[in-house]
C-alpha atoms as a PDB file:
ATOM      1  CA  MET A   1      12.755   9.348   4.370  1.00  0.00           C
ATOM      2  CA  ALA A   2      11.502   8.812   7.939  1.00  0.00           C
ATOM      3  CA  LYS A   3       8.082   8.633   6.913  1.00  0.00           C
ATOM      4  CA  HIS A   4       8.096   6.073   4.640  1.00  0.00           C
ATOM      5  CA  GLU A   5      10.014   3.570   6.347  1.00  0.00           C
ATOM      6  CA  LYS A   6       7.820   4.389   9.096  1.00  0.00           C
ATOM      7  CA  THR A   7       4.596   3.232   6.871  1.00  0.00           C
ATOM      8  CA  LEU A   8       6.705   0.014   5.432  1.00  0.00           C
ATOM      9  CA  ARG A   9       7.281  -1.026   9.289  1.00  0.00           C
ATOM     10  CA  ALA A  10       4.064  -0.570   9.318  1.00  0.00           C
ATOM     11  CA  ILE A  11       2.869  -2.291   6.588  1.00  0.00           C
ATOM     12  CA  PHE A  12       4.695  -5.750   7.491  1.00  0.00           C
ATOM     13  CA  GLU A  13       4.717  -5.796  11.410  1.00  0.00           C
ATOM     14  CA  THR A  14       2.238  -8.113  12.933  1.00  0.00           C
ATOM     15  CA  PRO A  15      -0.357  -9.067  13.632  1.00  0.00           C
ATOM     16  CA  THR A  16      -0.858  -6.478  10.985  1.00  0.00           C
ATOM     17  CA  ARG A  17      -2.568  -3.462  12.025  1.00  0.00           C
ATOM     18  CA  ALA A  18      -5.690  -1.531  10.900  1.00  0.00           C
ATOM     19  CA  ASP A  19      -4.892   1.994  11.307  1.00  0.00           C
ATOM     20  CA  ILE A  20      -2.672   2.758   8.561  1.00  0.00           C
ATOM     21  CA  GLU A  21      -3.958   5.470   6.599  1.00  0.00           C
ATOM     22  CA  TRP A  22      -4.304   4.915   2.884  1.00  0.00           C
ATOM     23  CA  ARG A  23      -2.408   8.349   1.409  1.00  0.00           C
ATOM     24  CA  GLU A  24       0.040   7.323   3.750  1.00  0.00           C
ATOM     25  CA  ILE A  25       0.236   3.546   2.088  1.00  0.00           C
ATOM     26  CA  GLU A  26      -0.207   6.419  -1.393  1.00  0.00           C
ATOM     27  CA  SER A  27       2.529   7.933  -0.205  1.00  0.00           C
ATOM     28  CA  LEU A  28       5.329   5.191   0.152  1.00  0.00           C
ATOM     29  CA  LEU A  29       3.890   3.919  -3.018  1.00  0.00           C
ATOM     30  CA  ARG A  30       4.476   6.345  -5.256  1.00  0.00           C
ATOM     31  CA  HIS A  31       8.074   7.213  -3.657  1.00  0.00           C
ATOM     32  CA  LEU A  32       8.761   3.803  -4.097  1.00  0.00           C
ATOM     33  CA  GLY A  33       8.740   4.191  -8.400  1.00  0.00           C
ATOM     34  CA  ALA A  34       5.321   2.550  -8.226  1.00  0.00           C
ATOM     35  CA  ALA A  35       3.041   4.118 -10.749  1.00  0.00           C
ATOM     36  CA  LEU A  36      -0.082   4.740  -9.783  1.00  0.00           C
ATOM     37  CA  THR A  37      -3.577   5.308 -12.348  1.00  0.00           C
ATOM     38  CA  GLU A  38      -7.017   5.276 -11.818  1.00  0.00           C
ATOM     39  CA  GLY A  39      -9.925   2.461 -11.720  1.00  0.00           C
ATOM     40  CA  ARG A  40     -13.370   2.640 -11.903  1.00  0.00           C
ATOM     41  CA  GLY A  41     -14.961   3.403  -8.914  1.00  0.00           C
ATOM     42  CA  SER A  42     -12.219   3.144  -5.698  1.00  0.00           C
ATOM     43  CA  ARG A  43      -9.619   1.179  -7.530  1.00  0.00           C
ATOM     44  CA  ILE A  44      -6.010   2.162  -7.738  1.00  0.00           C
ATOM     45  CA  ARG A  45      -4.290  -0.193 -10.891  1.00  0.00           C
ATOM     46  CA  VAL A  46      -0.430  -0.523  -9.071  1.00  0.00           C
ATOM     47  CA  ALA A  47       2.380  -1.845 -11.019  1.00  0.00           C
ATOM     48  CA  LEU A  48       6.342  -1.032  -9.275  1.00  0.00           C
ATOM     49  CA  ASN A  49       8.953  -3.192 -10.730  1.00  0.00           C
ATOM     50  CA  ASP A  50       7.230  -5.544 -13.154  1.00  0.00           C
ATOM     51  CA  VAL A  51       4.477  -6.887 -10.667  1.00  0.00           C
ATOM     52  CA  LYS A  52       0.918  -5.132 -10.702  1.00  0.00           C
ATOM     53  CA  ALA A  53      -2.713  -5.072  -8.630  1.00  0.00           C
ATOM     54  CA  VAL A  54      -5.475  -3.345  -8.176  1.00  0.00           C
ATOM     55  CA  PHE A  55      -6.923  -2.319  -4.718  1.00  0.00           C
ATOM     56  CA  HIS A  56      -9.641  -0.332  -3.003  1.00  0.00           C
ATOM     57  CA  ARG A  57      -9.653   2.445  -1.822  1.00  0.00           C
ATOM     58  CA  PRO A  58     -11.129   2.416   1.574  1.00  0.00           C
ATOM     59  CA  HIS A  59     -13.939   5.008   2.298  1.00  0.00           C
ATOM     60  CA  PRO A  60     -16.080   6.191   4.418  1.00  0.00           C
ATOM     61  CA  ARG A  61     -12.972   5.448   6.856  1.00  0.00           C
ATOM     62  CA  LYS A  62      -9.316   7.030   5.564  1.00  0.00           C
ATOM     63  CA  GLU A  63      -7.489   3.372   7.094  1.00  0.00           C
ATOM     64  CA  ALA A  64      -5.998   0.482   4.879  1.00  0.00           C
ATOM     65  CA  ASP A  65      -8.678  -2.689   6.897  1.00  0.00           C
ATOM     66  CA  LYS A  66      -6.116  -5.146   8.026  1.00  0.00           C
ATOM     67  CA  GLY A  67      -6.490  -7.028   4.560  1.00  0.00           C
ATOM     68  CA  CYS A  68      -6.230  -4.094   2.620  1.00  0.00           C
ATOM     69  CA  VAL A  69      -2.347  -4.034   4.433  1.00  0.00           C
ATOM     70  CA  GLU A  70      -1.984  -7.553   4.147  1.00  0.00           C
ATOM     71  CA  SER A  71      -2.903  -7.336  -0.016  1.00  0.00           C
ATOM     72  CA  VAL A  72      -0.113  -4.501  -0.192  1.00  0.00           C
ATOM     73  CA  ARG A  73       2.668  -6.120   2.187  1.00  0.00           C
ATOM     74  CA  HIS A  74       2.188  -9.148  -0.076  1.00  0.00           C
ATOM     75  CA  PHE A  75       2.563  -6.797  -3.347  1.00  0.00           C
ATOM     76  CA  LEU A  76       6.028  -4.867  -2.177  1.00  0.00           C
ATOM     77  CA  GLU A  77       7.362  -8.129  -1.361  1.00  0.00           C
ATOM     78  CA  ASN A  78       6.232  -9.541  -5.148  1.00  0.00           C
ATOM     79  CA  ALA A  79       8.028  -6.156  -5.750  1.00  0.00           C
ATOM     80  CA  GLY A  80      11.488  -6.552  -3.513  1.00  0.00           C
ATOM     81  CA  TYR A  81      10.534  -5.021  -1.110  1.00  0.00           C
ATOM     82  CA  GLU A  82      10.737  -5.309   2.487  1.00  0.00           C
ATOM     83  CA  PRO A  83      11.604  -3.289   6.037  1.00  0.00           C
END
């Protein structure tokens, strides 16, 4: 649980971080009960508490950029999660 709490806090930090590994974000989403399905290319569909979104896995880097982190933050807020 501590790992997921750390990731959740990192997503909500300001200024927005650009050093969070995408696999940590995916792990957090799964831990919260989100359904993740593969899309075309690097897309991944996520559904959590009746909120849906499509994200792009970062490549070639393993870290999500600031725009991606902000999108995940908004998604989590809409799904009812905050640190």
